[in-house]
Amino acid sequence: MKNQNLDIAILLERCKENNEKAQLTLYNQYYRAMFNVSYRIVGDSYLAEDVMQESFLKAFTKLDSFSGNVTFGSWLKKIVVNTSINELKKSNKYQFESLDENIELMDFKDESEDYSQLKAESILKTIQSLKSNYKIILTLFFIEGYDLEEITSILNISNENCRTMMSRAKESLRKKLNEL
């Protein structure tokens, strides 16, 4: 792991010097994982490709702002997530409904229902079929591993909004999974 971090650090230094070979190496190393992140959010392979190009361009032009407090992959992933969400906003493919009125905070305990029999692929497909804002929040939480505070920051919504939307998204997912 240390060697990999050292290799990444060397590549990043070369990228800061606009070394195209280093940029291509870094791109090839992270492309597939970042494409998958974007695709799970935007749901369209062509748009995910565009997001990838834009995200890597942003990353390469803002490498000086990379502090190293997190791994480069995590830093790049946040750029990809934000760019993906911004693309959806531009194309009006999703709108977050205001949940500030009639907020009902719900408990996040997982019910005893057992979905372990279902294949991961069918669960992912079901998540993709949900409303855009539900799909995004569940993807960020379950697949990308962000916590509620990080999701609140990424989506620029209140904590209460985030908790309520997560609860409703989980409930919607449960209903669809029970229909299978």
Protein backbone atom coordinates (compact mmCIF):
# COMPACT_ATOMS: atom_id res chain seq x y z
CA MET A 1 0.00 0.00 0.00
CA LYS A 2 2.85 2.36 0.82
CA ASN A 3 4.39 1.79 -2.62
CA GLN A 4 1.08 2.57 -4.28
CA ASN A 5 0.77 5.82 -2.30
CA LEU A 6 4.33 6.71 -3.25
CA ASP A 7 3.58 5.98 -6.91
CA ILE A 8 0.45 8.14 -6.76
CA ALA A 9 2.43 10.95 -5.11
CA ILE A 10 5.03 10.82 -7.89
CA LEU A 11 2.32 10.76 -10.56
CA LEU A 12 0.58 13.74 -8.93
CA GLU A 13 3.80 15.75 -8.89
CA ARG A 14 4.32 15.00 -12.57
CA CYS A 15 0.70 15.91 -13.32
CA LYS A 16 1.25 19.28 -11.64
CA GLU A 17 4.02 19.80 -14.20
CA ASN A 18 1.47 19.03 -16.98
CA ASN A 19 3.16 15.73 -17.82
CA GLU A 20 0.63 14.15 -20.19
CA LYS A 21 1.98 10.63 -19.67
CA ALA A 22 1.46 10.93 -15.92
CA GLN A 23 -2.04 12.33 -16.47
CA LEU A 24 -2.90 9.43 -18.77
CA THR A 25 -1.53 6.91 -16.27
CA LEU A 26 -3.58 8.45 -13.46
CA TYR A 27 -6.65 8.60 -15.70
CA ASN A 28 -6.27 4.92 -16.65
CA GLN A 29 -5.80 3.94 -13.01
CA TYR A 30 -8.99 5.65 -11.78
CA TYR A 31 -11.21 5.79 -14.85
CA ARG A 32 -13.26 2.61 -14.38
CA ALA A 33 -14.06 3.17 -10.70
CA MET A 34 -14.96 6.83 -11.24
CA PHE A 35 -17.05 6.02 -14.32
CA ASN A 36 -19.04 3.55 -12.20
CA VAL A 37 -19.60 6.21 -9.53
CA SER A 38 -20.86 8.67 -12.11
CA TYR A 39 -22.97 6.11 -13.97
CA ARG A 40 -24.76 5.06 -10.78
CA ILE A 41 -25.74 8.69 -10.23
CA VAL A 42 -26.59 9.89 -13.75
CA GLY A 43 -27.84 6.55 -15.11
CA ASP A 44 -26.63 7.23 -18.65
CA SER A 45 -23.32 5.97 -20.01
CA TYR A 46 -22.84 8.86 -22.44
CA LEU A 47 -23.48 11.45 -19.75
CA ALA A 48 -21.22 9.52 -17.37
CA GLU A 49 -18.46 9.70 -20.01
CA ASP A 50 -18.91 13.48 -20.23
CA VAL A 51 -18.84 13.74 -16.46
CA MET A 52 -15.62 11.74 -16.41
CA GLN A 53 -13.91 14.04 -18.87
CA GLU A 54 -15.02 17.14 -16.98
CA SER A 55 -14.10 15.65 -13.60
CA PHE A 56 -10.60 14.70 -14.64
CA LEU A 57 -10.06 18.12 -16.21
CA LYS A 58 -11.17 19.75 -12.96
CA ALA A 59 -8.91 17.46 -10.96
CA PHE A 60 -5.86 18.12 -13.13
CA THR A 61 -6.38 21.88 -13.09
CA LYS A 62 -6.97 21.97 -9.32
CA LEU A 63 -4.25 19.58 -8.20
CA ASP A 64 -2.67 22.36 -6.16
CA SER A 65 -5.75 22.34 -3.92
CA PHE A 66 -5.30 18.61 -3.17
CA SER A 67 -3.98 18.68 0.39
CA GLY A 68 -3.33 14.98 0.84
CA ASN A 69 -5.52 14.77 3.96
CA VAL A 70 -7.52 12.10 2.13
CA THR A 71 -6.45 9.73 -0.60
CA PHE A 72 -6.37 11.03 -4.13
CA GLY A 73 -9.11 8.54 -5.04
CA SER A 74 -11.43 9.95 -2.37
CA TRP A 75 -10.71 13.49 -3.48
CA LEU A 76 -11.37 12.59 -7.12
CA LYS A 77 -14.53 10.68 -6.17
CA LYS A 78 -15.96 13.77 -4.50
CA ILE A 79 -15.29 15.76 -7.68
CA VAL A 80 -17.02 13.05 -9.75
CA VAL A 81 -20.04 12.93 -7.41
CA ASN A 82 -20.44 16.72 -7.41
CA THR A 83 -19.99 16.96 -11.19
CA SER A 84 -22.53 14.17 -11.72
CA ILE A 85 -25.09 15.89 -9.52
CA ASN A 86 -24.44 19.23 -11.23
CA GLU A 87 -25.02 17.62 -14.63
CA LEU A 88 -28.34 16.26 -13.44
CA LYS A 89 -29.30 19.70 -12.16
CA LYS A 90 -28.41 21.28 -15.52
CA SER A 91 -30.56 18.82 -17.40
CA ASN A 92 -33.39 19.11 -14.85
CA LYS A 93 -33.41 15.34 -14.47
CA TYR A 94 -33.92 15.63 -10.78
CA GLN A 95 -35.42 18.09 -8.39
CA PHE A 96 -35.19 17.81 -4.65
CA GLU A 97 -38.60 18.41 -3.22
CA SER A 98 -38.66 20.67 -0.22
CA LEU A 99 -39.12 18.57 2.84
CA ASP A 100 -38.86 21.42 5.31
CA GLU A 101 -42.62 21.46 5.74
CA ASN A 102 -44.15 18.62 7.71
CA ILE A 103 -40.80 17.04 8.49
CA GLU A 104 -41.21 13.81 10.28
CA LEU A 105 -37.93 12.47 11.59
CA MET A 106 -37.96 8.72 11.33
CA ASP A 107 -35.82 6.12 13.00
CA PHE A 108 -33.06 4.64 10.85
CA LYS A 109 -33.13 1.20 12.43
CA ASP A 110 -33.18 -1.43 9.74
CA GLU A 111 -36.27 -3.56 9.95
CA SER A 112 -35.95 -7.28 10.41
CA GLU A 113 -36.90 -7.92 6.79
CA ASP A 114 -34.27 -10.09 5.17
CA TYR A 115 -33.21 -9.09 1.67
CA SER A 116 -30.08 -11.22 1.74
CA GLN A 117 -31.77 -13.65 -0.64
CA LEU A 118 -31.94 -10.99 -3.32
CA LYS A 119 -29.00 -10.62 -5.63
CA ALA A 120 -27.04 -7.38 -5.41
CA GLU A 121 -27.70 -6.78 -9.09
CA SER A 122 -31.45 -6.79 -8.60
CA ILE A 123 -31.15 -4.40 -5.64
CA LEU A 124 -28.98 -2.04 -7.70
CA LYS A 125 -31.47 -2.23 -10.55
CA THR A 126 -34.30 -1.44 -8.13
CA ILE A 127 -32.39 1.57 -6.76
CA GLN A 128 -31.94 2.81 -10.33
CA SER A 129 -35.71 2.66 -10.85
CA LEU A 130 -36.46 5.02 -7.95
CA LYS A 131 -37.09 8.76 -8.23
CA SER A 132 -33.86 10.60 -9.02
CA ASN A 133 -33.38 12.16 -5.60
CA TYR A 134 -34.00 8.82 -3.88
CA LYS A 135 -31.63 7.06 -6.27
CA ILE A 136 -28.91 9.63 -5.60
CA ILE A 137 -29.19 9.59 -1.83
CA LEU A 138 -29.25 5.77 -1.61
CA THR A 139 -26.32 5.50 -4.02
CA LEU A 140 -24.28 7.96 -1.99
CA PHE A 141 -25.15 6.21 1.27
CA PHE A 142 -25.13 2.50 0.48
CA ILE A 143 -22.84 2.23 -2.53
CA GLU A 144 -20.41 5.12 -2.16
CA GLY A 145 -20.32 4.91 1.64
CA TYR A 146 -20.92 8.56 2.50
CA ASP A 147 -22.47 9.30 5.88
CA LEU A 148 -25.50 11.56 6.31
CA GLU A 149 -23.38 14.60 7.18
CA GLU A 150 -21.34 14.20 4.00
CA ILE A 151 -24.48 13.70 1.92
CA THR A 152 -25.99 16.83 3.45
CA SER A 153 -22.91 18.75 2.35
CA ILE A 154 -22.75 17.21 -1.13
CA LEU A 155 -26.43 17.80 -1.88
CA ASN A 156 -26.51 21.15 -0.11
CA ILE A 157 -29.62 20.30 1.89
CA SER A 158 -30.47 20.56 5.57
CA ASN A 159 -29.78 17.71 7.97
CA GLU A 160 -33.51 17.24 8.55
CA ASN A 161 -34.16 17.19 4.81
CA CYS A 162 -31.44 14.59 4.35
CA ARG A 163 -32.73 12.32 7.12
CA THR A 164 -36.31 12.54 5.88
CA MET A 165 -35.33 11.95 2.26
CA MET A 166 -33.18 8.96 3.30
CA SER A 167 -36.07 7.51 5.27
CA ARG A 168 -38.50 7.95 2.38
CA ALA A 169 -35.97 6.57 -0.11
CA LYS A 170 -35.43 3.47 2.04
CA GLU A 171 -39.17 2.99 2.37
CA SER A 172 -39.65 3.33 -1.38
CA LEU A 173 -36.86 0.82 -1.96
CA ARG A 174 -38.42 -1.62 0.54
CA LYS A 175 -41.79 -1.41 -1.22
CA LYS A 176 -40.26 -2.06 -4.64
CA LEU A 177 -38.17 -4.94 -3.30
CA ASN A 178 -41.25 -6.53 -1.73
CA GLU A 179 -42.94 -6.42 -5.14
CA LEU A 180 -40.19 -8.59 -6.65
